[in-house]
Amino acid sequence: MQSEQYGVVTMIPPFNEHGYLPTGVHQATVDEVDVRFGRESEVRRVQMESLRWLADLARRVGVERLVINGSFVTDLLEPNDVDCVLLIGAGFPRDLIAEAELLAGLPFLEINLVNQADFDLLVDNFFATDRHSVGKGMVEVIP
């Protein structure tokens, strides 16, 4: 399913009646994430700046997958933060300077740098529902 916002077509589906994406992992580029989630408020704009920085660092250090979740990928006007889970690859870290920046953290981002087993646990279980066990979707940022 495609949705259109600001004249840009993305594969990120519309929100459901709970203000969440439909369950599952929806792939999108950083630009598509920006169009869909990063422009509606000043809070979202600064969160998006940090997310762009994270996507660049993740690429440089050899992260295999980057999934975002939390209130950022909901219909809230001013989300608390962006929950991120990063799957490290076999060659991690490819860039020690980028790794140091990543480990130091980035503003407005909750970063989980994990192996495959923990990635699966977070994506398939923890991120898949809210605190009331209501299913919700997340977004995988693709290059």
Protein backbone atom coordinates (compact mmCIF):
# COMPACT_ATOMS: atom_id res chain seq x y z
CA MET A 1 0.00 0.00 0.00
CA GLN A 2 1.27 3.45 -0.85
CA SER A 3 0.49 6.72 0.84
CA GLU A 4 1.12 10.27 -0.32
CA GLN A 5 2.17 13.24 1.78
CA TYR A 6 3.77 16.50 0.63
CA GLY A 7 3.46 15.22 -2.91
CA VAL A 8 5.78 12.27 -2.24
CA VAL A 9 4.60 8.67 -2.57
CA THR A 10 5.97 6.27 0.07
CA MET A 11 5.39 2.65 0.94
CA ILE A 12 4.67 3.58 4.57
CA PRO A 13 0.99 2.78 5.11
CA PRO A 14 -1.54 5.08 6.81
CA PHE A 15 -2.08 5.00 10.56
CA ASN A 16 -4.76 2.75 12.01
CA GLU A 17 -7.50 3.76 14.45
CA HIS A 18 -4.99 3.65 17.34
CA GLY A 19 -2.62 6.11 15.67
CA TYR A 20 -0.12 3.34 14.87
CA LEU A 21 1.21 1.90 11.66
CA PRO A 22 -0.28 -1.49 10.79
CA THR A 23 1.64 -4.32 12.42
CA GLY A 24 4.87 -5.43 10.83
CA VAL A 25 8.05 -3.82 9.57
CA HIS A 26 7.57 -1.28 6.78
CA GLN A 27 10.63 -0.34 4.73
CA ALA A 28 11.42 3.24 3.78
CA THR A 29 14.36 5.42 2.85
CA VAL A 30 15.51 8.18 5.19
CA ASP A 31 13.90 10.71 2.84
CA GLU A 32 10.57 8.85 2.97
CA VAL A 33 10.77 8.75 6.78
CA ASP A 34 11.46 12.49 6.78
CA VAL A 35 8.45 13.23 4.57
CA ARG A 36 6.13 11.05 6.61
CA PHE A 37 7.33 11.64 10.19
CA GLY A 38 9.89 14.45 10.32
CA ARG A 39 8.11 17.66 9.42
CA GLU A 40 4.89 18.22 11.37
CA SER A 41 6.43 19.93 14.43
CA GLU A 42 9.73 21.40 15.61
CA VAL A 43 10.21 18.36 17.86
CA ARG A 44 9.82 16.03 14.89
CA ARG A 45 12.23 18.12 12.80
CA VAL A 46 15.04 17.92 15.38
CA GLN A 47 14.38 14.21 15.94
CA MET A 48 14.66 13.70 12.21
CA GLU A 49 18.01 15.51 12.13
CA SER A 50 19.33 13.05 14.72
CA LEU A 51 17.88 10.13 12.79
CA ARG A 52 19.63 11.26 9.60
CA TRP A 53 22.89 11.47 11.54
CA LEU A 54 22.29 7.99 12.96
CA ALA A 55 21.57 6.50 9.53
CA ASP A 56 24.88 7.85 8.25
CA LEU A 57 26.83 6.56 11.27
CA ALA A 58 25.10 3.18 11.02
CA ARG A 59 26.13 2.85 7.39
CA ARG A 60 29.72 3.81 8.17
CA VAL A 61 30.16 1.34 11.05
CA GLY A 62 28.60 -1.61 9.23
CA VAL A 63 25.14 -1.90 10.75
CA GLU A 64 23.10 -4.39 8.73
CA ARG A 65 19.61 -3.19 9.68
CA LEU A 66 18.14 -0.10 11.32
CA VAL A 67 14.56 -0.26 12.63
CA ILE A 68 12.79 2.72 14.22
CA ASN A 69 9.86 2.60 16.56
CA GLY A 70 8.28 4.46 19.43
CA SER A 71 6.12 7.54 19.44
CA PHE A 72 8.04 8.95 16.45
CA VAL A 73 6.30 6.49 14.12
CA THR A 74 2.83 7.27 15.50
CA ASP A 75 0.40 10.10 14.86
CA LEU A 76 1.52 12.09 17.93
CA LEU A 77 2.38 15.68 17.02
CA GLU A 78 5.27 15.83 19.51
CA PRO A 79 6.76 12.38 20.12
CA ASN A 80 9.01 11.68 23.12
CA ASP A 81 11.90 10.16 21.19
CA VAL A 82 12.83 7.75 18.42
CA ASP A 83 13.43 4.17 19.55
CA CYS A 84 16.07 2.56 17.34
CA VAL A 85 17.42 -0.97 17.09
CA LEU A 86 20.56 -1.53 15.04
CA LEU A 87 21.69 -4.99 13.98
CA ILE A 88 25.48 -5.18 14.00
CA GLY A 89 27.19 -7.05 11.20
CA ALA A 90 30.13 -9.44 11.23
CA GLY A 91 32.57 -6.69 10.26
CA PHE A 92 31.36 -4.25 12.92
CA PRO A 93 32.86 -1.73 13.45
CA ARG A 94 34.22 -0.76 10.06
CA ASP A 95 34.86 2.85 11.13
CA LEU A 96 36.14 3.44 14.70
CA ILE A 97 35.44 7.18 14.66
CA ALA A 98 31.82 6.61 13.62
CA GLU A 99 31.55 3.86 16.25
CA ALA A 100 32.69 6.27 18.98
CA GLU A 101 30.07 8.82 17.87
CA LEU A 102 27.40 6.12 17.80
CA LEU A 103 28.30 4.82 21.26
CA ALA A 104 28.29 8.37 22.65
CA GLY A 105 24.62 8.59 21.67
CA LEU A 106 22.60 11.10 19.74
CA PRO A 107 19.97 13.57 20.97
CA PHE A 108 16.35 12.41 20.92
CA LEU A 109 17.29 8.81 20.02
CA GLU A 110 17.11 5.69 22.16
CA ILE A 111 19.69 3.46 20.48
CA ASN A 112 19.94 -0.32 20.93
CA LEU A 113 23.02 -1.76 19.20
CA VAL A 114 22.43 -5.53 19.20
CA ASN A 115 23.25 -8.95 17.77
CA GLN A 116 20.79 -11.04 15.71
CA ALA A 117 19.11 -12.79 18.67
CA ASP A 118 18.43 -9.52 20.51
CA PHE A 119 17.37 -7.81 17.26
CA ASP A 120 14.78 -10.52 16.65
CA LEU A 121 13.53 -10.27 20.24
CA LEU A 122 13.14 -6.51 20.08
CA VAL A 123 11.56 -6.36 16.62
CA ASP A 124 9.34 -9.45 16.88
CA ASN A 125 8.19 -8.94 20.47
CA PHE A 126 9.05 -5.77 22.34
CA PHE A 127 8.55 -3.23 19.52
CA ALA A 128 5.57 -5.11 18.02
CA THR A 129 3.05 -4.01 20.67
CA ASP A 130 2.41 -1.10 22.97
CA ARG A 131 2.20 -1.36 26.78
CA HIS A 132 -1.43 -2.48 26.44
CA SER A 133 -0.54 -5.30 24.00
CA VAL A 134 -2.01 -3.43 21.03
CA GLY A 135 -0.13 -4.39 17.87
CA LYS A 136 1.80 -1.69 16.08
CA GLY A 137 4.13 -1.33 13.17
CA MET A 138 7.64 0.00 12.83
CA VAL A 139 9.87 1.23 10.02
CA GLU A 140 13.11 -0.24 8.70
CA VAL A 141 15.30 2.50 7.27
CA ILE A 142 16.82 1.24 4.05
CA PRO A 143 19.75 2.72 2.11
